[in-house]
Structures are given as C-alpha cells and as structure tokens.
Amino acid sequence: MLLALAEEHGIGEQVAGLLVGRRQSLLCNVPLSALLTARRSQIGISRSSMARRVGIAKSVLDDLEKGAPGVGKNPRLPTLRKLAVGYQLSLPQVLVAAIHSMEAAHRVRKN
C-alpha cells in the first residue's frame, strides 16, 4: 500500500530505496499524531514554533498532533513532505504513520 501510494505521487523508487532493510523499523503501528507529538517533544520546541518551521497553520498542526484531522482533512502529500522535513523524519515514516491513522479512522467509522 505504501509503495502504491508513493508510485502514484512519483516517488516510488525513493520510498522503495528507503524501505530496503528497514521494513520492520518503519512499518510500526504508530499513528501520525503520536509520531509527531513524540518527535516534537524530542526536538524540544513548542507547537507554535513547529508550525512555523513546517510552514502550516498552528490549527492544522494542533489537529494533526491531537489525532483529530476530521473528515476531508487528511493531510496530502505536500503537507506530509513538509512534516517530514520539519520534524526531521523520513518521508516513509510519515507516510506509514499517516496511512495507519487513516486506516484507524476508517475502522472507527465502520463500527
């Protein structure tokens, strides 16, 4: 699924290259909110500062870190790229976490 999404956005080779030998460490069951919150805490900056660093509105970052992006507000690839750079994470880590979050939200809506 991750590679299919990457291929769709023209970055399949880069993602595949990053995944080689690292599948276990990247494909964990951590939602995007937990990944972002933990990483920002490690970096040691406020949410407002991180929003400026990433280049997105603080309200958007608040929603992403709280795990409440809502219907129709799932981050798109350009935003995920900004998050990866700002949080000093690899794009595949951010993509996997975003996919995990979307799958979890889908399961909740189904029930």
PDB file of N, CA and C in Angstrom:
ATOM      1  N   MET A   1       0.812  -1.185   0.000  1.00  0.00           N
ATOM      2  CA  MET A   1       0.000   0.000   0.000  1.00  0.00           C
ATOM      3  C   MET A   1       0.862   1.257   0.000  1.00  0.00           C
ATOM      4  N   LEU A   2       1.900   1.297   0.817  1.00  0.00           N
ATOM      5  CA  LEU A   2       2.787   2.445   0.879  1.00  0.00           C
ATOM      6  C   LEU A   2       3.463   2.664  -0.463  1.00  0.00           C
ATOM      7  N   LEU A   3       3.984   1.592  -1.054  1.00  0.00           N
ATOM      8  CA  LEU A   3       4.662   1.747  -2.334  1.00  0.00           C
ATOM      9  C   LEU A   3       3.700   2.164  -3.433  1.00  0.00           C
ATOM     10  N   ALA A   4       2.480   1.669  -3.399  1.00  0.00           N
ATOM     11  CA  ALA A   4       1.484   2.076  -4.399  1.00  0.00           C
ATOM     12  C   ALA A   4       1.192   3.572  -4.276  1.00  0.00           C
ATOM     13  N   LEU A   5       1.048   4.061  -3.063  1.00  0.00           N
ATOM     14  CA  LEU A   5       0.819   5.484  -2.840  1.00  0.00           C
ATOM     15  C   LEU A   5       2.024   6.296  -3.316  1.00  0.00           C
ATOM     16  N   ALA A   6       3.209   5.817  -3.016  1.00  0.00           N
ATOM     17  CA  ALA A   6       4.425   6.511  -3.441  1.00  0.00           C
ATOM     18  C   ALA A   6       4.527   6.544  -4.961  1.00  0.00           C
ATOM     19  N   GLU A   7       4.219   5.428  -5.605  1.00  0.00           N
ATOM     20  CA  GLU A   7       4.242   5.372  -7.076  1.00  0.00           C
ATOM     21  C   GLU A   7       3.256   6.376  -7.664  1.00  0.00           C
ATOM     22  N   GLU A   8       2.093   6.464  -7.073  1.00  0.00           N
ATOM     23  CA  GLU A   8       1.058   7.379  -7.545  1.00  0.00           C
ATOM     24  C   GLU A   8       1.550   8.826  -7.536  1.00  0.00           C
ATOM     25  N   HIS A   9       2.449   9.134  -6.607  1.00  0.00           N
ATOM     26  CA  HIS A   9       2.957  10.501  -6.482  1.00  0.00           C
ATOM     27  C   HIS A   9       4.364  10.666  -7.062  1.00  0.00           C
ATOM     28  N   GLY A  10       4.821   9.648  -7.795  1.00  0.00           N
ATOM     29  CA  GLY A  10       6.101   9.755  -8.488  1.00  0.00           C
ATOM     30  C   GLY A  10       7.334   9.621  -7.625  1.00  0.00           C
ATOM     31  N   ILE A  11       7.204   9.024  -6.444  1.00  0.00           N
ATOM     32  CA  ILE A  11       8.368   8.871  -5.562  1.00  0.00           C
ATOM     33  C   ILE A  11       8.574   7.404  -5.165  1.00  0.00           C
ATOM     34  N   GLY A  12       8.073   6.503  -5.986  1.00  0.00           N
ATOM     35  CA  GLY A  12       8.145   5.077  -5.670  1.00  0.00           C
ATOM     36  C   GLY A  12       9.556   4.567  -5.473  1.00  0.00           C
ATOM     37  N   GLU A  13      10.468   4.949  -6.358  1.00  0.00           N
ATOM     38  CA  GLU A  13      11.846   4.468  -6.252  1.00  0.00           C
ATOM     39  C   GLU A  13      12.525   4.969  -4.980  1.00  0.00           C
ATOM     40  N   GLN A  14      12.286   6.230  -4.643  1.00  0.00           N
ATOM     41  CA  GLN A  14      12.896   6.772  -3.428  1.00  0.00           C
ATOM     42  C   GLN A  14      12.379   6.057  -2.183  1.00  0.00           C
ATOM     43  N   VAL A  15      11.080   5.836  -2.124  1.00  0.00           N
ATOM     44  CA  VAL A  15      10.491   5.168  -0.962  1.00  0.00           C
ATOM     45  C   VAL A  15      10.974   3.718  -0.891  1.00  0.00           C
ATOM     46  N   ALA A  16      10.987   3.036  -2.028  1.00  0.00           N
ATOM     47  CA  ALA A  16      11.453   1.649  -2.049  1.00  0.00           C
ATOM     48  C   ALA A  16      12.898   1.573  -1.572  1.00  0.00           C
ATOM     49  N   GLY A  17      13.725   2.523  -2.009  1.00  0.00           N
ATOM     50  CA  GLY A  17      15.121   2.547  -1.584  1.00  0.00           C
ATOM     51  C   GLY A  17      15.272   2.753  -0.089  1.00  0.00           C
ATOM     52  N   LEU A  18      14.410   3.571   0.481  1.00  0.00           N
ATOM     53  CA  LEU A  18      14.471   3.817   1.925  1.00  0.00           C
ATOM     54  C   LEU A  18      13.963   2.624   2.732  1.00  0.00           C
ATOM     55  N   LEU A  19      13.079   1.853   2.129  1.00  0.00           N
ATOM     56  CA  LEU A  19      12.500   0.723   2.842  1.00  0.00           C
ATOM     57  C   LEU A  19      13.413  -0.497   2.866  1.00  0.00           C
ATOM     58  N   VAL A  20      14.332  -0.607   1.931  1.00  0.00           N
ATOM     59  CA  VAL A  20      15.202  -1.779   1.844  1.00  0.00           C
ATOM     60  C   VAL A  20      15.932  -1.972   3.169  1.00  0.00           C
ATOM     61  N   GLY A  21      15.736  -3.120   3.763  1.00  0.00           N
ATOM     62  CA  GLY A  21      16.398  -3.459   5.013  1.00  0.00           C
ATOM     63  C   GLY A  21      15.856  -2.741   6.235  1.00  0.00           C
ATOM     64  N   ARG A  22      14.787  -1.944   6.065  1.00  0.00           N
ATOM     65  CA  ARG A  22      14.272  -1.180   7.206  1.00  0.00           C
ATOM     66  C   ARG A  22      12.783  -1.395   7.411  1.00  0.00           C
ATOM     67  N   ARG A  23      12.198  -2.366   6.758  1.00  0.00           N
ATOM     68  CA  ARG A  23      10.749  -2.551   6.837  1.00  0.00           C
ATOM     69  C   ARG A  23      10.251  -2.679   8.268  1.00  0.00           C
ATOM     70  N   GLN A  24      10.926  -3.422   9.084  1.00  0.00           N
ATOM     71  CA  GLN A  24      10.449  -3.623  10.450  1.00  0.00           C
ATOM     72  C   GLN A  24      10.409  -2.315  11.231  1.00  0.00           C
ATOM     73  N   SER A  25      11.461  -1.504  11.108  1.00  0.00           N
ATOM     74  CA  SER A  25      11.500  -0.282  11.902  1.00  0.00           C
ATOM     75  C   SER A  25      10.528   0.769  11.388  1.00  0.00           C
ATOM     76  N   LEU A  26      10.218   0.734  10.083  1.00  0.00           N
ATOM     77  CA  LEU A  26       9.331   1.745   9.521  1.00  0.00           C
ATOM     78  C   LEU A  26       7.864   1.374   9.611  1.00  0.00           C
ATOM     79  N   LEU A  27       7.562   0.118   9.499  1.00  0.00           N
ATOM     80  CA  LEU A  27       6.166  -0.301   9.426  1.00  0.00           C
ATOM     81  C   LEU A  27       5.621  -0.647  10.803  1.00  0.00           C
ATOM     82  N   CYS A  28       5.625   0.318  11.675  1.00  0.00           N
ATOM     83  CA  CYS A  28       5.103   0.114  13.023  1.00  0.00           C
ATOM     84  C   CYS A  28       3.679   0.657  13.091  1.00  0.00           C
ATOM     85  N   ASN A  29       2.988   0.325  14.136  1.00  0.00           N
ATOM     86  CA  ASN A  29       1.594   0.736  14.300  1.00  0.00           C
ATOM     87  C   ASN A  29       1.482   2.017  15.114  1.00  0.00           C
ATOM     88  N   VAL A  30       2.161   3.051  14.674  1.00  0.00           N
ATOM     89  CA  VAL A  30       2.120   4.334  15.363  1.00  0.00           C
ATOM     90  C   VAL A  30       1.335   5.317  14.500  1.00  0.00           C
ATOM     91  N   PRO A  31       0.272   5.890  15.043  1.00  0.00           N
ATOM     92  CA  PRO A  31      -0.479   6.884  14.260  1.00  0.00           C
ATOM     93  C   PRO A  31       0.332   8.167  14.098  1.00  0.00           C
ATOM     94  N   LEU A  32      -0.021   8.937  13.103  1.00  0.00           N
ATOM     95  CA  LEU A  32       0.687  10.180  12.803  1.00  0.00           C
ATOM     96  C   LEU A  32       0.721  11.109  14.022  1.00  0.00           C
ATOM     97  N   SER A  33      -0.390  11.202  14.737  1.00  0.00           N
ATOM     98  CA  SER A  33      -0.441  12.097  15.903  1.00  0.00           C
ATOM     99  C   SER A  33       0.631  11.731  16.928  1.00  0.00           C
ATOM    100  N   ALA A  34       0.781  10.451  17.215  1.00  0.00           N
ATOM    101  CA  ALA A  34       1.771  10.011  18.205  1.00  0.00           C
ATOM    102  C   ALA A  34       3.191  10.235  17.704  1.00  0.00           C
ATOM    103  N   LEU A  35       3.426   9.971  16.429  1.00  0.00           N
ATOM    104  CA  LEU A  35       4.753  10.170  15.854  1.00  0.00           C
ATOM    105  C   LEU A  35       5.153  11.643  15.936  1.00  0.00           C
ATOM    106  N   LEU A  36       4.248  12.528  15.524  1.00  0.00           N
ATOM    107  CA  LEU A  36       4.557  13.955  15.521  1.00  0.00           C
ATOM    108  C   LEU A  36       4.752  14.503  16.928  1.00  0.00           C
ATOM    109  N   THR A  37       3.870  14.118  17.840  1.00  0.00           N
ATOM    110  CA  THR A  37       3.958  14.615  19.212  1.00  0.00           C
ATOM    111  C   THR A  37       5.260  14.165  19.878  1.00  0.00           C
ATOM    112  N   ALA A  38       5.594  12.883  19.721  1.00  0.00           N
ATOM    113  CA  ALA A  38       6.816  12.356  20.331  1.00  0.00           C
ATOM    114  C   ALA A  38       8.061  13.013  19.739  1.00  0.00           C
ATOM    115  N   ARG A  39       8.066  13.189  18.433  1.00  0.00           N
ATOM    116  CA  ARG A  39       9.237  13.780  17.778  1.00  0.00           C
ATOM    117  C   ARG A  39       9.403  15.255  18.165  1.00  0.00           C
ATOM    118  N   ARG A  40       8.313  15.989  18.219  1.00  0.00           N
ATOM    119  CA  ARG A  40       8.402  17.398  18.614  1.00  0.00           C
ATOM    120  C   ARG A  40       8.924  17.515  20.045  1.00  0.00           C
ATOM    121  N   SER A  41       8.489  16.602  20.902  1.00  0.00           N
ATOM    122  CA  SER A  41       8.966  16.581  22.285  1.00  0.00           C
ATOM    123  C   SER A  41      10.471  16.300  22.327  1.00  0.00           C
ATOM    124  N   GLN A  42      10.934  15.382  21.476  1.00  0.00           N
ATOM    125  CA  GLN A  42      12.374  15.082  21.407  1.00  0.00           C
ATOM    126  C   GLN A  42      13.164  16.299  20.949  1.00  0.00           C
ATOM    127  N   ILE A  43      12.611  17.022  19.973  1.00  0.00           N
ATOM    128  CA  ILE A  43      13.296  18.208  19.452  1.00  0.00           C
ATOM    129  C   ILE A  43      13.272  19.325  20.492  1.00  0.00           C
ATOM    130  N   GLY A  44      12.188  19.388  21.262  1.00  0.00           N
ATOM    131  CA  GLY A  44      12.092  20.342  22.356  1.00  0.00           C
ATOM    132  C   GLY A  44      11.606  21.726  21.951  1.00  0.00           C
ATOM    133  N   ILE A  45      10.625  21.779  21.031  1.00  0.00           N
ATOM    134  CA  ILE A  45      10.067  23.081  20.672  1.00  0.00           C
ATOM    135  C   ILE A  45       8.550  23.059  20.804  1.00  0.00           C
ATOM    136  N   SER A  46       7.972  24.226  20.876  1.00  0.00           N
ATOM    137  CA  SER A  46       6.529  24.343  21.048  1.00  0.00           C
ATOM    138  C   SER A  46       5.796  24.012  19.744  1.00  0.00           C
ATOM    139  N   ARG A  47       4.511  23.784  19.877  1.00  0.00           N
ATOM    140  CA  ARG A  47       3.685  23.528  18.698  1.00  0.00           C
ATOM    141  C   ARG A  47       3.663  24.733  17.761  1.00  0.00           C
ATOM    142  N   SER A  48       3.596  25.923  18.333  1.00  0.00           N
ATOM    143  CA  SER A  48       3.603  27.150  17.516  1.00  0.00           C
ATOM    144  C   SER A  48       4.895  27.276  16.720  1.00  0.00           C
ATOM    145  N   SER A  49       6.003  27.017  17.370  1.00  0.00           N
ATOM    146  CA  SER A  49       7.300  27.082  16.686  1.00  0.00           C
ATOM    147  C   SER A  49       7.402  26.021  15.597  1.00  0.00           C
ATOM    148  N   MET A  50       6.880  24.833  15.899  1.00  0.00           N
ATOM    149  CA  MET A  50       6.937  23.769  14.900  1.00  0.00           C
ATOM    150  C   MET A  50       6.059  24.110  13.703  1.00  0.00           C
ATOM    151  N   ALA A  51       4.902  24.691  13.940  1.00  0.00           N
ATOM    152  CA  ALA A  51       4.014  25.076  12.840  1.00  0.00           C
ATOM    153  C   ALA A  51       4.724  26.074  11.918  1.00  0.00           C
ATOM    154  N   ARG A  52       5.418  27.034  12.505  1.00  0.00           N
ATOM    155  CA  ARG A  52       6.175  27.998  11.689  1.00  0.00           C
ATOM    156  C   ARG A  52       7.292  27.290  10.933  1.00  0.00           C
ATOM    157  N   ARG A  53       7.981  26.393  11.605  1.00  0.00           N
ATOM    158  CA  ARG A  53       9.092  25.650  10.992  1.00  0.00           C
ATOM    159  C   ARG A  53       8.608  24.802   9.816  1.00  0.00           C
ATOM    160  N   VAL A  54       7.450  24.170   9.983  1.00  0.00           N
ATOM    161  CA  VAL A  54       6.894  23.298   8.939  1.00  0.00           C
ATOM    162  C   VAL A  54       6.256  24.123   7.822  1.00  0.00           C
ATOM    163  N   GLY A  55       5.698  25.270   8.192  1.00  0.00           N
ATOM    164  CA  GLY A  55       5.040  26.111   7.198  1.00  0.00           C
ATOM    165  C   GLY A  55       3.569  25.805   7.033  1.00  0.00           C
ATOM    166  N   ILE A  56       2.932  25.420   8.147  1.00  0.00           N
ATOM    167  CA  ILE A  56       1.485  25.171   8.130  1.00  0.00           C
ATOM    168  C   ILE A  56       0.858  25.932   9.292  1.00  0.00           C
ATOM    169  N   ALA A  57      -0.444  26.113   9.225  1.00  0.00           N
ATOM    170  CA  ALA A  57      -1.157  26.820  10.288  1.00  0.00           C
ATOM    171  C   ALA A  57      -1.084  26.015  11.591  1.00  0.00           C
ATOM    172  N   LYS A  58      -0.995  26.731  12.703  1.00  0.00           N
ATOM    173  CA  LYS A  58      -0.942  26.063  14.005  1.00  0.00           C
ATOM    174  C   LYS A  58      -2.199  25.237  14.243  1.00  0.00           C
ATOM    175  N   SER A  59      -3.353  25.718  13.776  1.00  0.00           N
ATOM    176  CA  SER A  59      -4.601  24.963  13.968  1.00  0.00           C
ATOM    177  C   SER A  59      -4.547  23.618  13.249  1.00  0.00           C
ATOM    178  N   VAL A  60      -3.916  23.593  12.091  1.00  0.00           N
ATOM    179  CA  VAL A  60      -3.759  22.330  11.349  1.00  0.00           C
ATOM    180  C   VAL A  60      -2.838  21.398  12.123  1.00  0.00           C
ATOM    181  N   LEU A  61      -1.735  21.944  12.602  1.00  0.00           N
ATOM    182  CA  LEU A  61      -0.806  21.124  13.385  1.00  0.00           C
ATOM    183  C   LEU A  61      -1.457  20.637  14.669  1.00  0.00           C
ATOM    184  N   ASP A  62      -2.250  21.485  15.315  1.00  0.00           N
ATOM    185  CA  ASP A  62      -2.986  21.058  16.512  1.00  0.00           C
ATOM    186  C   ASP A  62      -3.838  19.831  16.201  1.00  0.00           C
ATOM    187  N   ASP A  63      -4.597  19.904  15.103  1.00  0.00           N
ATOM    188  CA  ASP A  63      -5.456  18.775  14.709  1.00  0.00           C
ATOM    189  C   ASP A  63      -4.636  17.519  14.432  1.00  0.00           C
ATOM    190  N   LEU A  64      -3.524  17.679  13.733  1.00  0.00           N
ATOM    191  CA  LEU A  64      -2.694  16.517  13.396  1.00  0.00           C
ATOM    192  C   LEU A  64      -2.084  15.884  14.644  1.00  0.00           C
ATOM    193  N   GLU A  65      -1.590  16.697  15.556  1.00  0.00           N
ATOM    194  CA  GLU A  65      -0.978  16.141  16.764  1.00  0.00           C
ATOM    195  C   GLU A  65      -2.012  15.582  17.738  1.00  0.00           C
ATOM    196  N   LYS A  66      -3.225  16.102  17.698  1.00  0.00           N
ATOM    197  CA  LYS A  66      -4.281  15.568  18.555  1.00  0.00           C
ATOM    198  C   LYS A  66      -4.938  14.338  17.940  1.00  0.00           C
ATOM    199  N   GLY A  67      -4.609  14.060  16.682  1.00  0.00           N
ATOM    200  CA  GLY A  67      -5.191  12.902  16.007  1.00  0.00           C
ATOM    201  C   GLY A  67      -6.622  13.128  15.600  1.00  0.00           C
ATOM    202  N   ALA A  68      -6.995  14.384  15.400  1.00  0.00           N
ATOM    203  CA  ALA A  68      -8.379  14.704  15.054  1.00  0.00           C
ATOM    204  C   ALA A  68      -8.461  15.546  13.784  1.00  0.00           C
ATOM    205  N   PRO A  69      -7.882  15.045  12.669  1.00  0.00           N
ATOM    206  CA  PRO A  69      -7.941  15.857  11.462  1.00  0.00           C
ATOM    207  C   PRO A  69      -9.338  15.987  10.880  1.00  0.00           C
ATOM    208  N   GLY A  70     -10.233  15.083  11.185  1.00  0.00           N
ATOM    209  CA  GLY A  70     -11.612  15.185  10.723  1.00  0.00           C
ATOM    210  C   GLY A  70     -11.802  14.752   9.288  1.00  0.00           C
ATOM    211  N   VAL A  71     -13.038  14.649   8.920  1.00  0.00           N
ATOM    212  CA  VAL A  71     -13.394  14.206   7.580  1.00  0.00           C
ATOM    213  C   VAL A  71     -12.913  15.231   6.572  1.00  0.00           C
ATOM    214  N   GLY A  72     -12.233  14.750   5.549  1.00  0.00           N
ATOM    215  CA  GLY A  72     -11.772  15.616   4.484  1.00  0.00           C
ATOM    216  C   GLY A  72     -10.536  16.428   4.816  1.00  0.00           C
ATOM    217  N   LYS A  73      -9.960  16.223   6.000  1.00  0.00           N
ATOM    218  CA  LYS A  73      -8.773  16.979   6.380  1.00  0.00           C
ATOM    219  C   LYS A  73      -7.541  16.099   6.498  1.00  0.00           C
ATOM    220  N   ASN A  74      -7.553  14.920   5.931  1.00  0.00           N
ATOM    221  CA  ASN A  74      -6.362  14.091   5.963  1.00  0.00           C
ATOM    222  C   ASN A  74      -5.276  14.803   5.175  1.00  0.00           C
ATOM    223  N   PRO A  75      -4.058  14.870   5.720  1.00  0.00           N
ATOM    224  CA  PRO A  75      -3.006  15.629   5.050  1.00  0.00           C
ATOM    225  C   PRO A  75      -2.632  15.036   3.698  1.00  0.00           C
ATOM    226  N   ARG A  76      -2.392  15.892   2.753  1.00  0.00           N
ATOM    227  CA  ARG A  76      -1.977  15.489   1.416  1.00  0.00           C
ATOM    228  C   ARG A  76      -0.456  15.368   1.379  1.00  0.00           C
ATOM    229  N   LEU A  77       0.045  14.802   0.295  1.00  0.00           N
ATOM    230  CA  LEU A  77       1.477  14.539   0.189  1.00  0.00           C
ATOM    231  C   LEU A  77       2.341  15.782   0.394  1.00  0.00           C
ATOM    232  N   PRO A  78       2.020  16.938  -0.189  1.00  0.00           N
ATOM    233  CA  PRO A  78       2.872  18.108   0.071  1.00  0.00           C
ATOM    234  C   PRO A  78       2.967  18.458   1.561  1.00  0.00           C
ATOM    235  N   THR A  79       1.866  18.312   2.281  1.00  0.00           N
ATOM    236  CA  THR A  79       1.890  18.576   3.723  1.00  0.00           C
ATOM    237  C   THR A  79       2.713  17.522   4.444  1.00  0.00           C
ATOM    238  N   LEU A  80       2.572  16.263   4.039  1.00  0.00           N
ATOM    239  CA  LEU A  80       3.362  15.193   4.662  1.00  0.00           C
ATOM    240  C   LEU A  80       4.851  15.409   4.424  1.00  0.00           C
ATOM    241  N   ARG A  81       5.208  15.893   3.239  1.00  0.00           N
ATOM    242  CA  ARG A  81       6.620  16.207   2.960  1.00  0.00           C
ATOM    243  C   ARG A  81       7.108  17.310   3.893  1.00  0.00           C
ATOM    244  N   LYS A  82       6.305  18.370   4.061  1.00  0.00           N
ATOM    245  CA  LYS A  82       6.675  19.460   4.964  1.00  0.00           C
ATOM    246  C   LYS A  82       6.854  18.935   6.389  1.00  0.00           C
ATOM    247  N   LEU A  83       5.953  18.057   6.808  1.00  0.00           N
ATOM    248  CA  LEU A  83       6.046  17.479   8.151  1.00  0.00           C
ATOM    249  C   LEU A  83       7.335  16.679   8.309  1.00  0.00           C
ATOM    250  N   ALA A  84       7.662  15.881   7.302  1.00  0.00           N
ATOM    251  CA  ALA A  84       8.884  15.073   7.366  1.00  0.00           C
ATOM    252  C   ALA A  84      10.115  15.960   7.525  1.00  0.00           C
ATOM    253  N   VAL A  85      10.182  17.014   6.739  1.00  0.00           N
ATOM    254  CA  VAL A  85      11.329  17.921   6.814  1.00  0.00           C
ATOM    255  C   VAL A  85      11.352  18.645   8.157  1.00  0.00           C
ATOM    256  N   GLY A  86      10.228  19.222   8.548  1.00  0.00           N
ATOM    257  CA  GLY A  86      10.175  19.999   9.786  1.00  0.00           C
ATOM    258  C   GLY A  86      10.447  19.177  11.033  1.00  0.00           C
ATOM    259  N   TYR A  87       9.958  17.962  11.040  1.00  0.00           N
ATOM    260  CA  TYR A  87      10.131  17.090  12.206  1.00  0.00           C
ATOM    261  C   TYR A  87      11.398  16.244  12.121  1.00  0.00           C
ATOM    262  N   GLN A  88      12.150  16.418  11.045  1.00  0.00           N
ATOM    263  CA  GLN A  88      13.391  15.675  10.819  1.00  0.00           C
ATOM    264  C   GLN A  88      13.147  14.167  10.841  1.00  0.00           C
ATOM    265  N   LEU A  89      12.129  13.760  10.076  1.00  0.00           N
ATOM    266  CA  LEU A  89      11.778  12.348   9.925  1.00  0.00           C
ATOM    267  C   LEU A  89      11.892  11.988   8.446  1.00  0.00           C
ATOM    268  N   SER A  90      11.958  10.716   8.155  1.00  0.00           N
ATOM    269  CA  SER A  90      11.956  10.316   6.751  1.00  0.00           C
ATOM    270  C   SER A  90      10.515  10.358   6.231  1.00  0.00           C
ATOM    271  N   LEU A  91      10.380  10.632   4.949  1.00  0.00           N
ATOM    272  CA  LEU A  91       9.047  10.656   4.349  1.00  0.00           C
ATOM    273  C   LEU A  91       8.339   9.314   4.508  1.00  0.00           C
ATOM    274  N   PRO A  92       9.023   8.169   4.325  1.00  0.00           N
ATOM    275  CA  PRO A  92       8.320   6.898   4.544  1.00  0.00           C
ATOM    276  C   PRO A  92       7.770   6.744   5.960  1.00  0.00           C
ATOM    277  N   GLN A  93       8.486   7.210   6.967  1.00  0.00           N
ATOM    278  CA  GLN A  93       7.968   7.129   8.342  1.00  0.00           C
ATOM    279  C   GLN A  93       6.667   7.915   8.467  1.00  0.00           C
ATOM    280  N   VAL A  94       6.653   9.102   7.905  1.00  0.00           N
ATOM    281  CA  VAL A  94       5.475   9.952   7.989  1.00  0.00           C
ATOM    282  C   VAL A  94       4.330   9.338   7.181  1.00  0.00           C
ATOM    283  N   LEU A  95       4.629   8.802   6.003  1.00  0.00           N
ATOM    284  CA  LEU A  95       3.600   8.170   5.172  1.00  0.00           C
ATOM    285  C   LEU A  95       2.978   6.969   5.869  1.00  0.00           C
ATOM    286  N   VAL A  96       3.818   6.126   6.450  1.00  0.00           N
ATOM    287  CA  VAL A  96       3.308   4.932   7.135  1.00  0.00           C
ATOM    288  C   VAL A  96       2.421   5.339   8.310  1.00  0.00           C
ATOM    289  N   ALA A  97       2.852   6.335   9.074  1.00  0.00           N
ATOM    290  CA  ALA A  97       2.052   6.803  10.211  1.00  0.00           C
ATOM    291  C   ALA A  97       0.730   7.397   9.734  1.00  0.00           C
ATOM    292  N   ALA A  98       0.758   8.155   8.628  1.00  0.00           N
ATOM    293  CA  ALA A  98      -0.475   8.736   8.080  1.00  0.00           C
ATOM    294  C   ALA A  98      -1.428   7.648   7.602  1.00  0.00           C
ATOM    295  N   ILE A  99      -0.883   6.638   6.953  1.00  0.00           N
ATOM    296  CA  ILE A  99      -1.714   5.520   6.488  1.00  0.00           C
ATOM    297  C   ILE A  99      -2.328   4.795   7.677  1.00  0.00           C
ATOM    298  N   HIS A 100      -1.524   4.586   8.717  1.00  0.00           N
ATOM    299  CA  HIS A 100      -2.045   3.926   9.918  1.00  0.00           C
ATOM    300  C   HIS A 100      -3.194   4.740  10.515  1.00  0.00           C
ATOM    301  N   SER A 101      -3.042   6.061  10.557  1.00  0.00           N
ATOM    302  CA  SER A 101      -4.097   6.925  11.092  1.00  0.00           C
ATOM    303  C   SER A 101      -5.364   6.842  10.259  1.00  0.00           C
ATOM    304  N   MET A 102      -5.204   6.852   8.926  1.00  0.00           N
ATOM    305  CA  MET A 102      -6.371   6.778   8.043  1.00  0.00           C
ATOM    306  C   MET A 102      -7.087   5.439   8.190  1.00  0.00           C
ATOM    307  N   GLU A 103      -6.315   4.357   8.307  1.00  0.00           N
ATOM    308  CA  GLU A 103      -6.921   3.033   8.486  1.00  0.00           C
ATOM    309  C   GLU A 103      -7.668   2.963   9.817  1.00  0.00           C
ATOM    310  N   ALA A 104      -7.089   3.517  10.867  1.00  0.00           N
ATOM    311  CA  ALA A 104      -7.748   3.512  12.184  1.00  0.00           C
ATOM    312  C   ALA A 104      -9.040   4.326  12.132  1.00  0.00           C
ATOM    313  N   ALA A 105      -9.014   5.470  11.466  1.00  0.00           N
ATOM    314  CA  ALA A 105     -10.220   6.305  11.354  1.00  0.00           C
ATOM    315  C   ALA A 105     -11.277   5.584  10.546  1.00  0.00           C
ATOM    316  N   HIS A 106     -10.879   4.855   9.523  1.00  0.00           N
ATOM    317  CA  HIS A 106     -11.824   4.095   8.712  1.00  0.00           C
ATOM    318  C   HIS A 106     -12.482   2.997   9.542  1.00  0.00           C
ATOM    319  N   ARG A 107     -11.687   2.315  10.392  1.00  0.00           N
ATOM    320  CA  ARG A 107     -12.241   1.263  11.243  1.00  0.00           C
ATOM    321  C   ARG A 107     -13.266   1.846  12.216  1.00  0.00           C
ATOM    322  N   VAL A 108     -12.974   3.017  12.764  1.00  0.00           N
ATOM    323  CA  VAL A 108     -13.893   3.658  13.710  1.00  0.00           C
ATOM    324  C   VAL A 108     -15.188   4.018  13.016  1.00  0.00           C
ATOM    325  N   ARG A 109     -15.099   4.592  11.816  1.00  0.00           N
ATOM    326  CA  ARG A 109     -16.316   4.983  11.087  1.00  0.00           C
ATOM    327  C   ARG A 109     -17.151   3.773  10.689  1.00  0.00           C
ATOM    328  N   LYS A 110     -16.488   2.631  10.423  1.00  0.00           N
ATOM    329  CA  LYS A 110     -17.216   1.414  10.029  1.00  0.00           C
ATOM    330  C   LYS A 110     -18.031   0.858  11.186  1.00  0.00           C
ATOM    331  N   ASN A 111     -17.532   1.002  12.392  1.00  0.00           N
ATOM    332  CA  ASN A 111     -18.200   0.399  13.567  1.00  0.00           C
ATOM    333  C   ASN A 111     -19.279   1.255  14.098  1.00  0.00           C
TER     334      ASN A 111
END
